[in-house]
Amino acid sequence: MTNIQKIENEIRELPPQELAEFRAWFENFDADQWDSQFEQDTKSGKLDAIAKKAITDFNDGKFKKI
């Protein structure tokens, strides 16, 4: 049995209140991980081409201005 399978089994057995607590914790954990990855990608320039394309498309009228 893999670690993931063990974790899945443990989660399935949590009482409702503990499952709710786990969900809240995991939501925050996941958001922090995503924010960290986004910050790394931004600093490294990985998103520069995407940002430039979005700005160009917007300026060319490919998106509606709100």
Protein backbone atom coordinates (compact mmCIF):
# COMPACT_ATOMS: atom_id res chain seq x y z
CA MET A 1 0.00 0.00 0.00
CA THR A 2 1.39 3.41 -0.98
CA ASN A 3 1.50 6.44 1.30
CA ILE A 4 -1.26 8.03 -0.76
CA GLN A 5 -3.49 5.00 -0.29
CA LYS A 6 -2.83 5.05 3.46
CA ILE A 7 -3.70 8.75 3.65
CA GLU A 8 -6.85 8.21 1.58
CA ASN A 9 -7.95 5.42 3.91
CA GLU A 10 -7.30 7.55 6.99
CA ILE A 11 -9.29 10.44 5.52
CA ARG A 12 -12.22 8.15 4.73
CA GLU A 13 -12.34 7.14 8.39
CA LEU A 14 -12.38 10.67 9.83
CA PRO A 15 -15.48 11.73 11.74
CA PRO A 16 -17.39 14.60 10.11
CA GLN A 17 -15.95 17.33 12.38
CA GLU A 18 -12.37 16.20 11.84
CA LEU A 19 -13.00 15.89 8.10
CA ALA A 20 -14.23 19.50 8.08
CA GLU A 21 -11.09 20.58 9.97
CA PHE A 22 -8.90 18.65 7.53
CA ARG A 23 -10.66 20.23 4.54
CA ALA A 24 -10.08 23.72 5.94
CA TRP A 25 -6.44 22.93 6.67
CA PHE A 26 -5.87 21.40 3.24
CA GLU A 27 -7.57 24.29 1.45
CA ASN A 28 -5.17 26.72 3.14
CA PHE A 29 -2.19 24.45 2.55
CA ASP A 30 -3.04 24.05 -1.13
CA ALA A 31 -3.55 27.80 -1.59
CA ASP A 32 -0.19 28.52 0.05
CA GLN A 33 1.51 25.98 -2.22
CA TRP A 34 -0.13 27.52 -5.30
CA ASP A 35 0.86 31.03 -4.21
CA SER A 36 4.44 29.91 -3.65
CA GLN A 37 4.63 28.27 -7.08
CA PHE A 38 3.09 31.34 -8.74
CA GLU A 39 5.63 33.59 -7.00
CA GLN A 40 8.50 31.38 -8.15
CA ASP A 41 7.18 31.32 -11.72
CA THR A 42 6.77 35.11 -11.69
CA LYS A 43 10.27 35.75 -10.37
CA SER A 44 11.82 33.33 -12.87
CA GLY A 45 10.10 35.03 -15.82
CA LYS A 46 8.23 31.85 -16.69
CA LEU A 47 4.97 33.80 -17.08
CA ASP A 48 6.35 36.78 -19.01
CA ALA A 49 5.40 35.49 -22.46
CA ILE A 50 1.88 34.66 -21.33
CA ALA A 51 1.45 38.10 -19.76
CA LYS A 52 2.75 39.86 -22.87
CA LYS A 53 0.37 37.87 -25.08
CA ALA A 54 -2.59 38.67 -22.83
CA ILE A 55 -1.74 42.40 -22.88
CA THR A 56 -1.30 42.37 -26.65
CA ASP A 57 -4.58 40.53 -27.17
CA PHE A 58 -6.37 42.95 -24.85
CA ASN A 59 -4.91 45.97 -26.64
CA ASP A 60 -5.88 44.48 -29.99
CA GLY A 61 -9.50 44.32 -28.83
CA LYS A 62 -9.72 40.56 -28.48
CA PHE A 63 -11.31 41.02 -25.06
CA LYS A 64 -14.14 43.29 -24.07
CA LYS A 65 -13.21 46.16 -21.80
CA ILE A 66 -15.39 46.27 -18.73
